[in-house]
Amino acid sequence: QVQLVESGGGLVQPGGSLRLSCAASGFSFSTSLMSWVRQAPGQGPEWISSIDFSSHNTIYADSVKGRFTVSRDNAEKTLYLQMNNLKPEDTALYYCARGGWGTAPTRVYWGQGTQVTVSS
């Protein structure tokens, strides 16, 4: 069964950085598109980034373009999200997800999430 476990969230000041990780198991990670999705309190899910199997192609939502970088290590079955120049509006629960390309995949393929809070 698909299992995705996110880590690396926390409290950071505006302008700071965090690196999220997502450990994958239970499916063929190296042949799966992967995405990051976030959800702020009281709001719907927001797709923010996807990466293809080989890391040759990545796409980002306009809200994070130029500040966030998605990457993956297929040997370690791990997905990453490097977040720089964080803003208060980036505060949300961040999920990694199997699949998706420009949109969030169905929630059944999401992990449990890791909280990111940007505040001074």
C-alpha atoms as a PDB file:
ATOM      1  CA  GLN A   1       0.000   0.000   0.000  1.00  0.00           C
ATOM      2  CA  VAL A   2       1.134   3.537  -0.714  1.00  0.00           C
ATOM      3  CA  GLN A   3       2.833   5.126   2.260  1.00  0.00           C
ATOM      4  CA  LEU A   4       4.221   8.647   2.288  1.00  0.00           C
ATOM      5  CA  VAL A   5       5.773  10.166   5.414  1.00  0.00           C
ATOM      6  CA  GLU A   6       6.642  13.864   5.411  1.00  0.00           C
ATOM      7  CA  SER A   7       9.113  15.529   7.759  1.00  0.00           C
ATOM      8  CA  GLY A   8      11.045  18.764   8.129  1.00  0.00           C
ATOM      9  CA  GLY A   9       8.290  21.204   8.920  1.00  0.00           C
ATOM     10  CA  GLY A  10       8.454  23.711  11.732  1.00  0.00           C
ATOM     11  CA  LEU A  11       8.321  27.344  12.763  1.00  0.00           C
ATOM     12  CA  VAL A  12      10.456  29.750  10.761  1.00  0.00           C
ATOM     13  CA  GLN A  13      10.709  33.507  10.501  1.00  0.00           C
ATOM     14  CA  PRO A  14       9.766  35.337   7.307  1.00  0.00           C
ATOM     15  CA  GLY A  15      12.656  35.164   4.864  1.00  0.00           C
ATOM     16  CA  GLY A  16      13.864  31.895   6.320  1.00  0.00           C
ATOM     17  CA  SER A  17      14.246  28.475   4.754  1.00  0.00           C
ATOM     18  CA  LEU A  18      13.100  24.930   5.376  1.00  0.00           C
ATOM     19  CA  ARG A  19      13.663  21.641   3.590  1.00  0.00           C
ATOM     20  CA  LEU A  20      10.857  19.136   3.609  1.00  0.00           C
ATOM     21  CA  SER A  21      11.406  15.429   3.014  1.00  0.00           C
ATOM     22  CA  CYS A  22       8.971  12.681   2.078  1.00  0.00           C
ATOM     23  CA  ALA A  23       9.878   9.019   2.507  1.00  0.00           C
ATOM     24  CA  ALA A  24       7.955   6.771   0.120  1.00  0.00           C
ATOM     25  CA  SER A  25       7.168   3.072   0.264  1.00  0.00           C
ATOM     26  CA  GLY A  26       4.656   0.560  -1.013  1.00  0.00           C
ATOM     27  CA  PHE A  27       4.821   1.533  -4.692  1.00  0.00           C
ATOM     28  CA  SER A  28       7.284   2.053  -7.516  1.00  0.00           C
ATOM     29  CA  PHE A  29       8.672   5.444  -6.540  1.00  0.00           C
ATOM     30  CA  SER A  30      11.167   5.668  -9.413  1.00  0.00           C
ATOM     31  CA  THR A  31       8.400   5.393 -12.025  1.00  0.00           C
ATOM     32  CA  SER A  32       5.930   7.723 -10.313  1.00  0.00           C
ATOM     33  CA  LEU A  33       5.282  11.377 -10.869  1.00  0.00           C
ATOM     34  CA  MET A  34       5.363  13.108  -7.507  1.00  0.00           C
ATOM     35  CA  SER A  35       3.859  16.337  -6.228  1.00  0.00           C
ATOM     36  CA  TRP A  36       3.681  18.649  -3.251  1.00  0.00           C
ATOM     37  CA  VAL A  37       0.340  20.027  -2.120  1.00  0.00           C
ATOM     38  CA  ARG A  38      -0.412  22.381   0.756  1.00  0.00           C
ATOM     39  CA  GLN A  39      -3.510  23.349   2.657  1.00  0.00           C
ATOM     40  CA  ALA A  40      -3.838  26.431   4.816  1.00  0.00           C
ATOM     41  CA  PRO A  41      -6.395  26.591   7.637  1.00  0.00           C
ATOM     42  CA  GLY A  42      -9.865  27.172   6.297  1.00  0.00           C
ATOM     43  CA  GLN A  43      -8.767  26.909   2.680  1.00  0.00           C
ATOM     44  CA  GLY A  44      -8.840  24.233   0.030  1.00  0.00           C
ATOM     45  CA  PRO A  45      -5.795  22.293  -1.119  1.00  0.00           C
ATOM     46  CA  GLU A  46      -3.280  24.094  -3.310  1.00  0.00           C
ATOM     47  CA  TRP A  47      -1.015  22.179  -5.670  1.00  0.00           C
ATOM     48  CA  ILE A  48       2.439  23.731  -5.556  1.00  0.00           C
ATOM     49  CA  SER A  49       4.901  21.549  -7.455  1.00  0.00           C
ATOM     50  CA  SER A  50       5.416  18.345  -9.442  1.00  0.00           C
ATOM     51  CA  ILE A  51       8.466  16.435 -10.643  1.00  0.00           C
ATOM     52  CA  ASP A  52       8.789  13.730 -13.257  1.00  0.00           C
ATOM     53  CA  PHE A  53      10.403  10.296 -12.885  1.00  0.00           C
ATOM     54  CA  SER A  54      13.914  11.348 -13.840  1.00  0.00           C
ATOM     55  CA  SER A  55      13.879  14.872 -12.352  1.00  0.00           C
ATOM     56  CA  HIS A  56      14.375  16.322 -15.833  1.00  0.00           C
ATOM     57  CA  ASN A  57      11.091  18.227 -15.625  1.00  0.00           C
ATOM     58  CA  THR A  58       9.620  20.200 -12.759  1.00  0.00           C
ATOM     59  CA  ILE A  59       6.720  22.627 -12.566  1.00  0.00           C
ATOM     60  CA  TYR A  60       5.615  25.090  -9.913  1.00  0.00           C
ATOM     61  CA  ALA A  61       2.615  27.157  -8.962  1.00  0.00           C
ATOM     62  CA  ASP A  62       3.134  30.864  -9.510  1.00  0.00           C
ATOM     63  CA  SER A  63       2.826  31.431  -5.769  1.00  0.00           C
ATOM     64  CA  VAL A  64       6.099  29.555  -5.090  1.00  0.00           C
ATOM     65  CA  LYS A  65       8.012  29.827  -8.364  1.00  0.00           C
ATOM     66  CA  GLY A  66      11.533  31.083  -7.837  1.00  0.00           C
ATOM     67  CA  ARG A  67      11.439  30.352  -4.089  1.00  0.00           C
ATOM     68  CA  PHE A  68      10.744  26.597  -3.855  1.00  0.00           C
ATOM     69  CA  THR A  69      12.674  23.756  -5.480  1.00  0.00           C
ATOM     70  CA  VAL A  70      11.430  20.178  -5.763  1.00  0.00           C
ATOM     71  CA  SER A  71      13.850  17.273  -6.097  1.00  0.00           C
ATOM     72  CA  ARG A  72      13.947  13.536  -5.615  1.00  0.00           C
ATOM     73  CA  ASP A  73      16.347  10.700  -4.869  1.00  0.00           C
ATOM     74  CA  ASN A  74      15.023   7.543  -6.485  1.00  0.00           C
ATOM     75  CA  ALA A  75      17.652   5.349  -4.833  1.00  0.00           C
ATOM     76  CA  GLU A  76      16.486   6.555  -1.409  1.00  0.00           C
ATOM     77  CA  LYS A  77      12.805   6.739  -2.440  1.00  0.00           C
ATOM     78  CA  THR A  78      12.640  10.258  -1.067  1.00  0.00           C
ATOM     79  CA  LEU A  79      11.049  13.451  -2.340  1.00  0.00           C
ATOM     80  CA  TYR A  80      12.262  16.875  -1.214  1.00  0.00           C
ATOM     81  CA  LEU A  81      11.009  20.439  -1.201  1.00  0.00           C
ATOM     82  CA  GLN A  82      13.532  23.195  -0.555  1.00  0.00           C
ATOM     83  CA  MET A  83      11.676  26.334   0.515  1.00  0.00           C
ATOM     84  CA  ASN A  84      13.505  29.649   0.572  1.00  0.00           C
ATOM     85  CA  ASN A  85      12.422  33.212   1.292  1.00  0.00           C
ATOM     86  CA  LEU A  86       9.393  31.951   3.171  1.00  0.00           C
ATOM     87  CA  LYS A  87       6.424  34.264   3.652  1.00  0.00           C
ATOM     88  CA  PRO A  88       3.603  34.211   6.221  1.00  0.00           C
ATOM     89  CA  GLU A  89       1.225  33.163   3.449  1.00  0.00           C
ATOM     90  CA  ASP A  90       3.240  29.970   3.032  1.00  0.00           C
ATOM     91  CA  THR A  91       1.906  28.793   6.414  1.00  0.00           C
ATOM     92  CA  ALA A  92       0.079  25.527   5.762  1.00  0.00           C
ATOM     93  CA  LEU A  93       0.100  21.773   6.168  1.00  0.00           C
ATOM     94  CA  TYR A  94       2.362  20.417   3.446  1.00  0.00           C
ATOM     95  CA  TYR A  95       1.701  17.051   1.837  1.00  0.00           C
ATOM     96  CA  CYS A  96       3.657  14.985  -0.621  1.00  0.00           C
ATOM     97  CA  ALA A  97       1.560  13.042  -3.077  1.00  0.00           C
ATOM     98  CA  ARG A  98       1.954  10.291  -5.610  1.00  0.00           C
ATOM     99  CA  GLY A  99       1.042  11.468  -9.063  1.00  0.00           C
ATOM    100  CA  GLY A 100      -0.310  14.763 -10.254  1.00  0.00           C
ATOM    101  CA  TRP A 101       1.082  17.133 -12.836  1.00  0.00           C
ATOM    102  CA  GLY A 102      -0.071  20.679 -12.365  1.00  0.00           C
ATOM    103  CA  THR A 103      -2.955  19.561 -10.171  1.00  0.00           C
ATOM    104  CA  ALA A 104      -3.258  17.730  -6.884  1.00  0.00           C
ATOM    105  CA  PRO A 105      -3.869  13.995  -7.197  1.00  0.00           C
ATOM    106  CA  THR A 106      -6.660  12.361  -5.274  1.00  0.00           C
ATOM    107  CA  ARG A 107      -6.188  12.649  -1.499  1.00  0.00           C
ATOM    108  CA  VAL A 108      -5.886   8.894  -1.078  1.00  0.00           C
ATOM    109  CA  TYR A 109      -2.375   9.237  -2.483  1.00  0.00           C
ATOM    110  CA  TRP A 110      -1.249  11.921  -0.031  1.00  0.00           C
ATOM    111  CA  GLY A 111       0.826  11.533   3.097  1.00  0.00           C
ATOM    112  CA  GLN A 112      -0.199  12.765   6.526  1.00  0.00           C
ATOM    113  CA  GLY A 113       1.449  16.136   6.123  1.00  0.00           C
ATOM    114  CA  THR A 114       3.976  18.272   7.961  1.00  0.00           C
ATOM    115  CA  GLN A 115       3.151  21.700   9.387  1.00  0.00           C
ATOM    116  CA  VAL A 116       5.014  24.772   8.196  1.00  0.00           C
ATOM    117  CA  THR A 117       4.441  27.991  10.113  1.00  0.00           C
ATOM    118  CA  VAL A 118       6.027  31.245   8.983  1.00  0.00           C
ATOM    119  CA  SER A 119       5.814  33.908  11.640  1.00  0.00           C
ATOM    120  CA  SER A 120       7.951  36.456  13.434  1.00  0.00           C
END
